[in-house]
Amino acid sequence: MTKPKNPSPRKPAKDTADAPDIQGEGNYDATRRYDKAASDFAKSGKVDEAARAAQPRDAKEAEELRRAEQAGRSHSRGENDGTEIDDDEGDTLSRR
């Protein structure tokens, strides 16, 4: 008897004993769920409302957020002004 053909070389077929819950370097099912949820939210018309709700409530909170952002940036490899992107290997590529 032959084994069923594996539809994806990246992960085992679901009907094999080799199919673990962890999917190697990425969980493709979770990625698809996240992408769909993000797309659905973007199309929902609630983005502006969520952005307003996320704004600092007062000057003290705004300063705390600024300091937290500054602390996070101090640990990064460098500033990104939005003109560069990282590929999957962490290499920086220029946007055109």
C-alpha atoms as a PDB file:
ATOM      1  CA  MET A   1       0.000   0.000   0.000  1.00  0.00           C
ATOM      2  CA  THR A   2       1.382   3.426  -0.898  1.00  0.00           C
ATOM      3  CA  LYS A   3       1.347   6.457   1.373  1.00  0.00           C
ATOM      4  CA  PRO A   4      -0.976   9.320   0.401  1.00  0.00           C
ATOM      5  CA  LYS A   5       0.802  12.073  -1.502  1.00  0.00           C
ATOM      6  CA  ASN A   6       1.817  14.963   0.732  1.00  0.00           C
ATOM      7  CA  PRO A   7       0.123  18.119  -0.677  1.00  0.00           C
ATOM      8  CA  SER A   8       2.703  20.451   0.902  1.00  0.00           C
ATOM      9  CA  PRO A   9       6.438  19.820   1.239  1.00  0.00           C
ATOM     10  CA  ARG A  10       6.498  22.197   4.238  1.00  0.00           C
ATOM     11  CA  LYS A  11       4.319  20.194   6.591  1.00  0.00           C
ATOM     12  CA  PRO A  12       3.135  16.595   6.818  1.00  0.00           C
ATOM     13  CA  ALA A  13      -0.278  15.621   5.511  1.00  0.00           C
ATOM     14  CA  LYS A  14      -2.918  15.886   8.249  1.00  0.00           C
ATOM     15  CA  ASP A  15      -3.726  12.170   8.082  1.00  0.00           C
ATOM     16  CA  THR A  16      -0.210  10.983   8.945  1.00  0.00           C
ATOM     17  CA  ALA A  17       1.203  10.203  12.366  1.00  0.00           C
ATOM     18  CA  ASP A  18       3.999  12.703  11.632  1.00  0.00           C
ATOM     19  CA  ALA A  19       1.617  15.704  11.700  1.00  0.00           C
ATOM     20  CA  PRO A  20       2.532  17.602  14.896  1.00  0.00           C
ATOM     21  CA  ASP A  21       0.682  20.585  16.355  1.00  0.00           C
ATOM     22  CA  ILE A  22       3.822  22.666  15.863  1.00  0.00           C
ATOM     23  CA  GLN A  23       4.339  23.375  12.184  1.00  0.00           C
ATOM     24  CA  GLY A  24       8.062  24.038  11.969  1.00  0.00           C
ATOM     25  CA  GLU A  25       9.106  27.604  11.338  1.00  0.00           C
ATOM     26  CA  GLY A  26       5.580  28.943  11.127  1.00  0.00           C
ATOM     27  CA  ASN A  27       2.052  28.035  11.962  1.00  0.00           C
ATOM     28  CA  TYR A  28       0.356  28.484   8.608  1.00  0.00           C
ATOM     29  CA  ASP A  29      -3.147  27.996   9.998  1.00  0.00           C
ATOM     30  CA  ALA A  30      -2.612  30.687  12.647  1.00  0.00           C
ATOM     31  CA  THR A  31      -1.159  33.018  10.015  1.00  0.00           C
ATOM     32  CA  ARG A  32      -4.226  32.581   7.802  1.00  0.00           C
ATOM     33  CA  ARG A  33      -6.557  33.204  10.771  1.00  0.00           C
ATOM     34  CA  TYR A  34      -4.639  36.354  11.765  1.00  0.00           C
ATOM     35  CA  ASP A  35      -4.564  37.680   8.191  1.00  0.00           C
ATOM     36  CA  LYS A  36      -8.319  37.121   7.820  1.00  0.00           C
ATOM     37  CA  ALA A  37      -9.089  38.767  11.183  1.00  0.00           C
ATOM     38  CA  ALA A  38      -6.879  41.771  10.345  1.00  0.00           C
ATOM     39  CA  SER A  39      -8.486  42.126   6.916  1.00  0.00           C
ATOM     40  CA  ASP A  40     -11.989  41.803   8.356  1.00  0.00           C
ATOM     41  CA  PHE A  41     -11.208  44.462  10.984  1.00  0.00           C
ATOM     42  CA  ALA A  42      -9.783  46.832   8.371  1.00  0.00           C
ATOM     43  CA  LYS A  43     -12.971  46.450   6.306  1.00  0.00           C
ATOM     44  CA  SER A  44     -15.276  46.772   9.345  1.00  0.00           C
ATOM     45  CA  GLY A  45     -15.157  50.560   9.521  1.00  0.00           C
ATOM     46  CA  LYS A  46     -14.035  50.456  13.166  1.00  0.00           C
ATOM     47  CA  VAL A  47     -10.388  51.440  12.589  1.00  0.00           C
ATOM     48  CA  ASP A  48     -10.848  55.167  13.287  1.00  0.00           C
ATOM     49  CA  GLU A  49     -12.835  54.399  16.441  1.00  0.00           C
ATOM     50  CA  ALA A  50     -10.113  52.020  17.686  1.00  0.00           C
ATOM     51  CA  ALA A  51      -7.395  54.570  16.894  1.00  0.00           C
ATOM     52  CA  ARG A  52      -9.228  57.238  18.909  1.00  0.00           C
ATOM     53  CA  ALA A  53      -9.711  54.809  21.812  1.00  0.00           C
ATOM     54  CA  ALA A  54      -5.975  53.992  21.784  1.00  0.00           C
ATOM     55  CA  GLN A  55      -4.858  57.621  22.124  1.00  0.00           C
ATOM     56  CA  PRO A  56      -3.276  58.645  25.438  1.00  0.00           C
ATOM     57  CA  ARG A  57      -5.842  59.891  27.961  1.00  0.00           C
ATOM     58  CA  ASP A  58      -3.640  62.690  29.300  1.00  0.00           C
ATOM     59  CA  ALA A  59      -0.177  64.271  29.063  1.00  0.00           C
ATOM     60  CA  LYS A  60       1.267  61.914  31.691  1.00  0.00           C
ATOM     61  CA  GLU A  61       0.206  58.818  29.754  1.00  0.00           C
ATOM     62  CA  ALA A  62       1.497  60.369  26.516  1.00  0.00           C
ATOM     63  CA  GLU A  63       4.911  60.883  28.134  1.00  0.00           C
ATOM     64  CA  GLU A  64       4.929  57.289  29.448  1.00  0.00           C
ATOM     65  CA  LEU A  65       4.190  55.991  25.961  1.00  0.00           C
ATOM     66  CA  ARG A  66       6.904  58.183  24.441  1.00  0.00           C
ATOM     67  CA  ARG A  67       9.442  56.846  26.959  1.00  0.00           C
ATOM     68  CA  ALA A  68       8.383  53.254  26.332  1.00  0.00           C
ATOM     69  CA  GLU A  69       8.766  53.743  22.593  1.00  0.00           C
ATOM     70  CA  GLN A  70      12.180  55.334  23.099  1.00  0.00           C
ATOM     71  CA  ALA A  71      13.262  52.393  25.286  1.00  0.00           C
ATOM     72  CA  GLY A  72      12.098  49.920  22.653  1.00  0.00           C
ATOM     73  CA  ARG A  73      13.901  51.754  19.882  1.00  0.00           C
ATOM     74  CA  SER A  74      17.108  51.756  21.928  1.00  0.00           C
ATOM     75  CA  HIS A  75      17.126  47.945  21.660  1.00  0.00           C
ATOM     76  CA  SER A  76      16.550  47.868  17.904  1.00  0.00           C
ATOM     77  CA  ARG A  77      19.206  47.433  15.227  1.00  0.00           C
ATOM     78  CA  GLY A  78      18.450  50.863  13.849  1.00  0.00           C
ATOM     79  CA  GLU A  79      15.820  53.393  12.997  1.00  0.00           C
ATOM     80  CA  ASN A  80      13.346  52.666  10.240  1.00  0.00           C
ATOM     81  CA  ASP A  81      11.737  55.716   8.709  1.00  0.00           C
ATOM     82  CA  GLY A  82       9.273  53.622   6.703  1.00  0.00           C
ATOM     83  CA  THR A  83      11.396  53.490   3.553  1.00  0.00           C
ATOM     84  CA  GLU A  84      12.970  50.160   4.442  1.00  0.00           C
ATOM     85  CA  ILE A  85      11.490  46.752   5.144  1.00  0.00           C
ATOM     86  CA  ASP A  86      12.925  43.574   6.643  1.00  0.00           C
ATOM     87  CA  ASP A  87      12.698  40.358   4.674  1.00  0.00           C
ATOM     88  CA  ASP A  88      12.137  36.988   6.350  1.00  0.00           C
ATOM     89  CA  GLU A  89      15.862  36.587   7.019  1.00  0.00           C
ATOM     90  CA  GLY A  90      16.115  39.935   8.814  1.00  0.00           C
ATOM     91  CA  ASP A  91      17.914  41.639   5.932  1.00  0.00           C
ATOM     92  CA  THR A  92      16.896  45.236   5.253  1.00  0.00           C
ATOM     93  CA  LEU A  93      15.549  45.990   1.802  1.00  0.00           C
ATOM     94  CA  SER A  94      14.773  49.411   0.343  1.00  0.00           C
ATOM     95  CA  ARG A  95      11.200  50.152  -0.701  1.00  0.00           C
ATOM     96  CA  ARG A  96      10.807  51.488  -4.188  1.00  0.00           C
END
